[in-house]
Amino acid sequence: MSGGQAWAAKGPRGKAACTTITGTATGTVTISGCTGTANTGGASTPLPVSTLAAGGTVTWVSGKTTTFAAPTLTATNAKKCPGYVKGASSNPSADKFKGAVTADTSGMKVPGKFHGAVCISPSGDITALKTLKVN
C-alpha cells in the first residue's frame, strides 16, 4: 500500500479552533472566529444552546455539519469572565465542556473530540471563556 493510500484509510483529520461563542442561556448561541483545516466557513449558524449543553448537530456557514455527543460539564473559575467583580453579590458563572464528535461532513476526525469553556452572566448571556477546539 502506498503512503497516499495509507493516509486515505485513516480518514479526515481536520481541526477547528473557534475563539468566540455568543448567545443566551435560554435561546441560541453562535460559534465564530473559527480557523483550521475543517470546512466550517469560519462560524456556525445560530444553534440551540442545548447543542453545547446536551449534544446535537452544529451547522456551519459552509453548509457542512458536525455532531457533538452529550458533553461532560464542569464548573470552573469565572474570574476571567466579563462582569466578574471580586466580592460582588452577583457574579458570572463558568463551565468547561468536553465531549466526542460522533459525525461530521466538514472534514473533521470521527470519532474526534471537542472542548472549551463558557461564561454565563447573571442575566444569562453566554460568552467564550476558552477557545472551542474540535479535533
N, C-alpha and C. Protein backbone atom coordinates (compact mmCIF):
# COMPACT_ATOMS: atom_id res chain seq x y z
N MET A 1 0.84 -1.17 0.00
CA MET A 1 0.00 0.00 0.00
C MET A 1 0.89 1.24 0.00
N SER A 2 0.61 2.19 -0.86
CA SER A 2 1.44 3.40 -0.91
C SER A 2 1.07 4.34 0.23
N GLY A 3 1.92 5.36 0.46
CA GLY A 3 1.68 6.32 1.54
C GLY A 3 0.36 7.05 1.36
N GLY A 4 -0.02 7.37 0.12
CA GLY A 4 -1.29 8.05 -0.13
C GLY A 4 -2.48 7.19 0.27
N GLN A 5 -2.40 5.91 -0.04
CA GLN A 5 -3.49 5.01 0.31
C GLN A 5 -3.57 4.81 1.83
N ALA A 6 -2.44 4.78 2.51
CA ALA A 6 -2.46 4.62 3.97
C ALA A 6 -3.12 5.83 4.62
N TRP A 7 -2.85 7.04 4.10
CA TRP A 7 -3.48 8.24 4.65
C TRP A 7 -4.99 8.18 4.43
N ALA A 8 -5.41 7.76 3.23
CA ALA A 8 -6.83 7.71 2.91
C ALA A 8 -7.56 6.74 3.84
N ALA A 9 -6.91 5.66 4.22
CA ALA A 9 -7.55 4.69 5.10
C ALA A 9 -7.81 5.26 6.49
N LYS A 10 -7.04 6.26 6.90
CA LYS A 10 -7.23 6.87 8.21
C LYS A 10 -8.40 7.84 8.24
N GLY A 11 -8.81 8.35 7.08
CA GLY A 11 -9.94 9.26 7.03
C GLY A 11 -9.56 10.70 7.31
N PRO A 12 -10.55 11.59 7.35
CA PRO A 12 -10.30 13.01 7.56
C PRO A 12 -9.62 13.29 8.90
N ARG A 13 -8.78 14.30 8.92
CA ARG A 13 -8.07 14.68 10.14
C ARG A 13 -8.21 16.18 10.41
N GLY A 14 -9.27 16.81 9.86
CA GLY A 14 -9.45 18.24 10.00
C GLY A 14 -9.65 18.67 11.46
N LYS A 15 -9.31 19.94 11.72
CA LYS A 15 -9.44 20.51 13.05
C LYS A 15 -10.03 21.90 12.93
N ALA A 16 -10.58 22.40 14.03
CA ALA A 16 -11.07 23.78 14.07
C ALA A 16 -10.84 24.33 15.47
N ALA A 17 -10.53 25.63 15.52
CA ALA A 17 -10.42 26.35 16.78
C ALA A 17 -11.29 27.60 16.63
N CYS A 18 -12.28 27.75 17.51
CA CYS A 18 -13.24 28.84 17.42
C CYS A 18 -13.13 29.71 18.67
N THR A 19 -12.80 30.98 18.48
CA THR A 19 -12.48 31.86 19.61
C THR A 19 -13.70 32.53 20.24
N THR A 20 -14.84 32.54 19.56
CA THR A 20 -15.99 33.30 20.05
C THR A 20 -17.24 32.42 20.13
N ILE A 21 -17.91 32.50 21.26
CA ILE A 21 -19.23 31.89 21.44
C ILE A 21 -20.10 32.98 22.05
N THR A 22 -21.21 33.30 21.41
CA THR A 22 -22.11 34.33 21.95
C THR A 22 -23.54 33.84 21.86
N GLY A 23 -24.37 34.27 22.83
CA GLY A 23 -25.77 33.92 22.83
C GLY A 23 -26.35 34.05 24.22
N THR A 24 -27.46 33.34 24.45
CA THR A 24 -28.11 33.38 25.75
C THR A 24 -28.40 31.97 26.24
N ALA A 25 -28.47 31.83 27.56
CA ALA A 25 -28.69 30.53 28.18
C ALA A 25 -30.09 29.98 27.90
N THR A 26 -31.00 30.84 27.46
CA THR A 26 -32.37 30.39 27.20
C THR A 26 -32.72 30.40 25.72
N GLY A 27 -31.75 30.71 24.85
CA GLY A 27 -32.05 30.83 23.43
C GLY A 27 -31.05 30.13 22.56
N THR A 28 -30.41 30.91 21.70
CA THR A 28 -29.46 30.34 20.75
C THR A 28 -28.06 30.88 21.01
N VAL A 29 -27.08 30.16 20.48
CA VAL A 29 -25.69 30.59 20.51
C VAL A 29 -25.12 30.50 19.10
N THR A 30 -24.09 31.29 18.87
CA THR A 30 -23.36 31.24 17.60
C THR A 30 -21.89 31.06 17.92
N ILE A 31 -21.26 30.16 17.21
CA ILE A 31 -19.83 29.90 17.34
C ILE A 31 -19.16 30.61 16.18
N SER A 32 -18.12 31.42 16.44
CA SER A 32 -17.46 32.14 15.35
C SER A 32 -15.97 32.28 15.63
N GLY A 33 -15.29 32.93 14.71
CA GLY A 33 -13.84 33.07 14.82
C GLY A 33 -13.13 31.76 14.61
N CYS A 34 -13.71 30.90 13.76
CA CYS A 34 -13.17 29.56 13.56
C CYS A 34 -12.09 29.54 12.48
N THR A 35 -10.98 28.92 12.82
CA THR A 35 -9.88 28.72 11.88
C THR A 35 -9.48 27.25 11.96
N GLY A 36 -8.72 26.81 10.99
CA GLY A 36 -8.25 25.42 10.99
C GLY A 36 -8.44 24.78 9.64
N THR A 37 -8.30 23.48 9.60
CA THR A 37 -8.34 22.75 8.34
C THR A 37 -9.72 22.21 7.99
N ALA A 38 -10.67 22.25 8.90
CA ALA A 38 -12.03 21.79 8.60
C ALA A 38 -12.78 22.88 7.83
N ASN A 39 -13.76 22.48 7.05
CA ASN A 39 -14.54 23.41 6.22
C ASN A 39 -15.75 23.94 7.00
N THR A 40 -15.49 24.88 7.93
CA THR A 40 -16.58 25.46 8.74
C THR A 40 -17.11 26.75 8.14
N GLY A 41 -16.33 27.40 7.29
CA GLY A 41 -16.71 28.71 6.79
C GLY A 41 -16.45 29.80 7.81
N GLY A 42 -15.85 29.45 8.95
CA GLY A 42 -15.48 30.44 9.96
C GLY A 42 -16.46 30.64 11.08
N ALA A 43 -17.68 30.05 10.97
CA ALA A 43 -18.69 30.25 12.01
C ALA A 43 -19.81 29.23 11.86
N SER A 44 -20.63 29.14 12.92
CA SER A 44 -21.82 28.30 12.86
C SER A 44 -23.02 29.18 12.53
N THR A 45 -24.09 28.55 12.12
CA THR A 45 -25.37 29.23 12.08
C THR A 45 -25.88 29.25 13.52
N PRO A 46 -26.84 30.12 13.88
CA PRO A 46 -27.35 30.08 15.25
C PRO A 46 -27.89 28.69 15.59
N LEU A 47 -27.56 28.20 16.80
CA LEU A 47 -28.00 26.87 17.21
C LEU A 47 -28.53 26.91 18.63
N PRO A 48 -29.42 25.98 18.96
CA PRO A 48 -29.94 25.96 20.33
C PRO A 48 -28.81 25.77 21.32
N VAL A 49 -28.86 26.48 22.44
CA VAL A 49 -27.81 26.35 23.46
C VAL A 49 -27.69 24.90 23.93
N SER A 50 -28.75 24.14 23.82
CA SER A 50 -28.73 22.73 24.24
C SER A 50 -27.73 21.91 23.43
N THR A 51 -27.36 22.36 22.23
CA THR A 51 -26.37 21.63 21.43
C THR A 51 -25.03 21.57 22.17
N LEU A 52 -24.64 22.68 22.81
CA LEU A 52 -23.40 22.67 23.59
C LEU A 52 -23.60 22.00 24.94
N ALA A 53 -24.79 22.14 25.52
CA ALA A 53 -25.04 21.62 26.86
C ALA A 53 -25.38 20.13 26.88
N ALA A 54 -26.07 19.64 25.83
CA ALA A 54 -26.54 18.26 25.85
C ALA A 54 -26.17 17.46 24.61
N GLY A 55 -25.51 18.09 23.64
CA GLY A 55 -25.16 17.40 22.41
C GLY A 55 -26.13 17.71 21.30
N GLY A 56 -25.68 17.56 20.06
CA GLY A 56 -26.51 17.82 18.90
C GLY A 56 -25.65 18.19 17.72
N THR A 57 -26.29 18.65 16.65
CA THR A 57 -25.60 18.93 15.41
C THR A 57 -25.38 20.43 15.23
N VAL A 58 -24.13 20.79 14.94
CA VAL A 58 -23.76 22.16 14.61
C VAL A 58 -23.76 22.28 13.10
N THR A 59 -24.50 23.24 12.56
CA THR A 59 -24.44 23.53 11.13
C THR A 59 -23.53 24.73 10.94
N TRP A 60 -22.51 24.56 10.12
CA TRP A 60 -21.54 25.63 9.86
C TRP A 60 -22.03 26.48 8.69
N VAL A 61 -21.56 27.72 8.60
CA VAL A 61 -21.98 28.59 7.50
C VAL A 61 -21.56 28.05 6.14
N SER A 62 -20.60 27.13 6.11
CA SER A 62 -20.19 26.46 4.87
C SER A 62 -21.25 25.48 4.38
N GLY A 63 -22.25 25.19 5.24
CA GLY A 63 -23.27 24.20 4.91
C GLY A 63 -22.93 22.81 5.43
N LYS A 64 -21.72 22.62 5.93
CA LYS A 64 -21.30 21.33 6.48
C LYS A 64 -21.79 21.21 7.93
N THR A 65 -21.74 20.01 8.49
CA THR A 65 -22.22 19.78 9.85
C THR A 65 -21.24 18.97 10.67
N THR A 66 -21.31 19.16 11.99
CA THR A 66 -20.55 18.38 12.96
C THR A 66 -21.50 18.01 14.08
N THR A 67 -21.53 16.75 14.47
CA THR A 67 -22.41 16.30 15.55
C THR A 67 -21.61 16.04 16.80
N PHE A 68 -22.02 16.72 17.88
CA PHE A 68 -21.39 16.57 19.19
C PHE A 68 -22.23 15.63 20.04
N ALA A 69 -21.57 14.68 20.72
CA ALA A 69 -22.25 13.85 21.73
C ALA A 69 -22.46 14.71 22.97
N ALA A 70 -23.28 14.23 23.89
CA ALA A 70 -23.51 14.96 25.15
C ALA A 70 -22.18 15.17 25.85
N PRO A 71 -21.85 16.41 26.20
CA PRO A 71 -20.56 16.68 26.83
C PRO A 71 -20.58 16.47 28.33
N THR A 72 -19.39 16.39 28.90
CA THR A 72 -19.21 16.45 30.34
C THR A 72 -19.06 17.93 30.69
N LEU A 73 -19.88 18.44 31.61
CA LEU A 73 -19.81 19.83 32.05
C LEU A 73 -19.19 19.88 33.44
N THR A 74 -18.27 20.83 33.63
CA THR A 74 -17.61 21.00 34.91
C THR A 74 -17.55 22.49 35.24
N ALA A 75 -18.00 22.85 36.43
CA ALA A 75 -17.90 24.25 36.85
C ALA A 75 -16.43 24.63 36.95
N THR A 76 -16.10 25.85 36.54
CA THR A 76 -14.72 26.32 36.59
C THR A 76 -14.68 27.76 37.10
N ASN A 77 -13.50 28.27 37.34
CA ASN A 77 -13.31 29.61 37.88
C ASN A 77 -13.79 30.66 36.89
N ALA A 78 -14.61 31.60 37.36
CA ALA A 78 -15.19 32.64 36.50
C ALA A 78 -14.47 33.98 36.62
N LYS A 79 -13.30 34.02 37.26
CA LYS A 79 -12.60 35.28 37.48
C LYS A 79 -12.27 36.03 36.19
N LYS A 80 -12.10 35.33 35.09
CA LYS A 80 -11.75 35.97 33.82
C LYS A 80 -12.97 36.24 32.95
N CYS A 81 -14.16 36.05 33.50
CA CYS A 81 -15.39 36.30 32.75
C CYS A 81 -15.74 37.79 32.78
N PRO A 82 -16.37 38.30 31.70
CA PRO A 82 -16.82 39.69 31.70
C PRO A 82 -17.80 39.94 32.86
N GLY A 83 -17.61 41.04 33.55
CA GLY A 83 -18.51 41.40 34.64
C GLY A 83 -18.14 40.84 36.00
N TYR A 84 -17.07 40.04 36.09
CA TYR A 84 -16.67 39.48 37.38
C TYR A 84 -16.06 40.59 38.24
N VAL A 85 -16.56 40.70 39.47
CA VAL A 85 -16.01 41.65 40.43
C VAL A 85 -15.80 40.89 41.74
N LYS A 86 -14.56 40.87 42.22
CA LYS A 86 -14.24 40.14 43.44
C LYS A 86 -15.14 40.64 44.58
N GLY A 87 -15.78 39.70 45.25
CA GLY A 87 -16.63 40.01 46.40
C GLY A 87 -18.03 40.50 46.06
N ALA A 88 -18.36 40.59 44.78
CA ALA A 88 -19.70 41.05 44.39
C ALA A 88 -20.75 40.01 44.77
N SER A 89 -21.96 40.48 45.00
CA SER A 89 -23.04 39.57 45.39
C SER A 89 -23.56 38.76 44.21
N SER A 90 -23.34 39.25 42.99
CA SER A 90 -23.82 38.54 41.81
C SER A 90 -22.71 38.55 40.75
N ASN A 91 -22.11 37.41 40.55
CA ASN A 91 -21.04 37.28 39.57
C ASN A 91 -21.41 36.25 38.51
N PRO A 92 -20.76 36.31 37.35
CA PRO A 92 -21.00 35.27 36.35
C PRO A 92 -20.51 33.91 36.83
N SER A 93 -21.01 32.87 36.18
CA SER A 93 -20.51 31.52 36.43
C SER A 93 -19.78 31.07 35.17
N ALA A 94 -19.05 29.97 35.26
CA ALA A 94 -18.31 29.45 34.11
C ALA A 94 -18.36 27.93 34.13
N ASP A 95 -18.45 27.36 32.94
CA ASP A 95 -18.47 25.91 32.77
C ASP A 95 -17.49 25.49 31.69
N LYS A 96 -16.72 24.44 31.99
CA LYS A 96 -15.90 23.78 30.98
C LYS A 96 -16.75 22.66 30.40
N PHE A 97 -16.56 22.38 29.12
CA PHE A 97 -17.26 21.26 28.50
C PHE A 97 -16.30 20.50 27.61
N LYS A 98 -16.50 19.18 27.55
CA LYS A 98 -15.71 18.34 26.65
C LYS A 98 -16.54 17.13 26.29
N GLY A 99 -16.34 16.66 25.07
CA GLY A 99 -17.12 15.52 24.61
C GLY A 99 -16.57 14.97 23.31
N ALA A 100 -17.35 14.10 22.69
CA ALA A 100 -16.93 13.41 21.47
C ALA A 100 -17.64 13.97 20.24
N VAL A 101 -16.92 13.98 19.13
CA VAL A 101 -17.50 14.26 17.83
C VAL A 101 -17.93 12.91 17.27
N THR A 102 -19.22 12.76 16.96
CA THR A 102 -19.73 11.47 16.52
C THR A 102 -20.02 11.38 15.03
N ALA A 103 -20.16 12.53 14.37
CA ALA A 103 -20.39 12.55 12.92
C ALA A 103 -19.94 13.90 12.38
N ASP A 104 -19.56 13.93 11.09
CA ASP A 104 -19.05 15.19 10.54
C ASP A 104 -19.04 15.13 9.02
N THR A 105 -19.36 16.27 8.39
CA THR A 105 -19.23 16.39 6.94
C THR A 105 -18.24 17.49 6.55
N SER A 106 -17.59 18.13 7.54
CA SER A 106 -16.69 19.25 7.26
C SER A 106 -15.23 18.84 7.15
N GLY A 107 -14.94 17.57 7.33
CA GLY A 107 -13.57 17.09 7.22
C GLY A 107 -12.88 16.85 8.55
N MET A 108 -13.63 16.94 9.66
CA MET A 108 -13.02 16.69 10.97
C MET A 108 -12.94 15.20 11.25
N LYS A 109 -12.05 14.84 12.15
CA LYS A 109 -11.84 13.45 12.55
C LYS A 109 -13.08 12.91 13.26
N VAL A 110 -13.49 11.69 12.89
CA VAL A 110 -14.58 10.98 13.56
C VAL A 110 -14.10 9.57 13.84
N PRO A 111 -14.13 9.08 15.08
CA PRO A 111 -14.52 9.85 16.26
C PRO A 111 -13.45 10.89 16.60
N GLY A 112 -13.90 12.01 17.08
CA GLY A 112 -13.00 13.07 17.47
C GLY A 112 -13.41 13.62 18.83
N LYS A 113 -12.83 14.76 19.18
CA LYS A 113 -13.10 15.35 20.50
C LYS A 113 -13.36 16.84 20.34
N PHE A 114 -14.11 17.41 21.28
CA PHE A 114 -14.26 18.85 21.35
C PHE A 114 -14.17 19.28 22.80
N HIS A 115 -13.70 20.51 23.03
CA HIS A 115 -13.64 21.03 24.39
C HIS A 115 -13.53 22.55 24.35
N GLY A 116 -13.97 23.18 25.42
CA GLY A 116 -13.91 24.63 25.56
C GLY A 116 -14.49 25.03 26.89
N ALA A 117 -14.75 26.33 27.06
CA ALA A 117 -15.36 26.83 28.29
C ALA A 117 -16.14 28.10 27.98
N VAL A 118 -17.22 28.29 28.71
CA VAL A 118 -18.06 29.49 28.52
C VAL A 118 -18.33 30.17 29.85
N CYS A 119 -18.59 31.48 29.74
CA CYS A 119 -19.05 32.28 30.87
C CYS A 119 -20.55 32.48 30.72
N ILE A 120 -21.25 32.47 31.85
CA ILE A 120 -22.69 32.72 31.84
C ILE A 120 -22.94 33.85 32.82
N SER A 121 -23.40 34.99 32.29
CA SER A 121 -23.64 36.16 33.13
C SER A 121 -24.88 35.94 33.99
N PRO A 122 -25.07 36.74 35.05
CA PRO A 122 -26.28 36.62 35.87
C PRO A 122 -27.57 36.79 35.05
N SER A 123 -27.50 37.55 33.95
CA SER A 123 -28.69 37.74 33.10
C SER A 123 -28.84 36.65 32.04
N GLY A 124 -27.87 35.70 31.97
CA GLY A 124 -27.98 34.58 31.04
C GLY A 124 -27.22 34.73 29.74
N ASP A 125 -26.43 35.80 29.60
CA ASP A 125 -25.62 35.95 28.39
C ASP A 125 -24.44 34.98 28.43
N ILE A 126 -24.16 34.37 27.28
CA ILE A 126 -23.08 33.39 27.17
C ILE A 126 -21.97 33.97 26.30
N THR A 127 -20.74 33.86 26.79
CA THR A 127 -19.55 34.25 26.03
C THR A 127 -18.49 33.17 26.21
N ALA A 128 -17.55 33.13 25.29
CA ALA A 128 -16.47 32.14 25.39
C ALA A 128 -15.47 32.54 26.47
N LEU A 129 -15.12 31.61 27.32
CA LEU A 129 -14.04 31.78 28.29
C LEU A 129 -12.74 31.23 27.72
N LYS A 130 -12.85 30.08 27.05
CA LYS A 130 -11.70 29.45 26.39
C LYS A 130 -12.12 29.05 24.99
N THR A 131 -11.17 29.01 24.09
CA THR A 131 -11.41 28.64 22.69
C THR A 131 -12.04 27.25 22.60
N LEU A 132 -13.08 27.14 21.75
CA LEU A 132 -13.67 25.84 21.45
C LEU A 132 -12.74 25.16 20.44
N LYS A 133 -12.22 24.00 20.82
CA LYS A 133 -11.33 23.25 19.93
C LYS A 133 -12.01 21.94 19.56
N VAL A 134 -11.96 21.64 18.25
CA VAL A 134 -12.53 20.40 17.73
C VAL A 134 -11.42 19.70 16.97
N ASN A 135 -11.09 18.47 17.41
CA ASN A 135 -10.04 17.71 16.71
C ASN A 135 -10.22 16.23 16.91
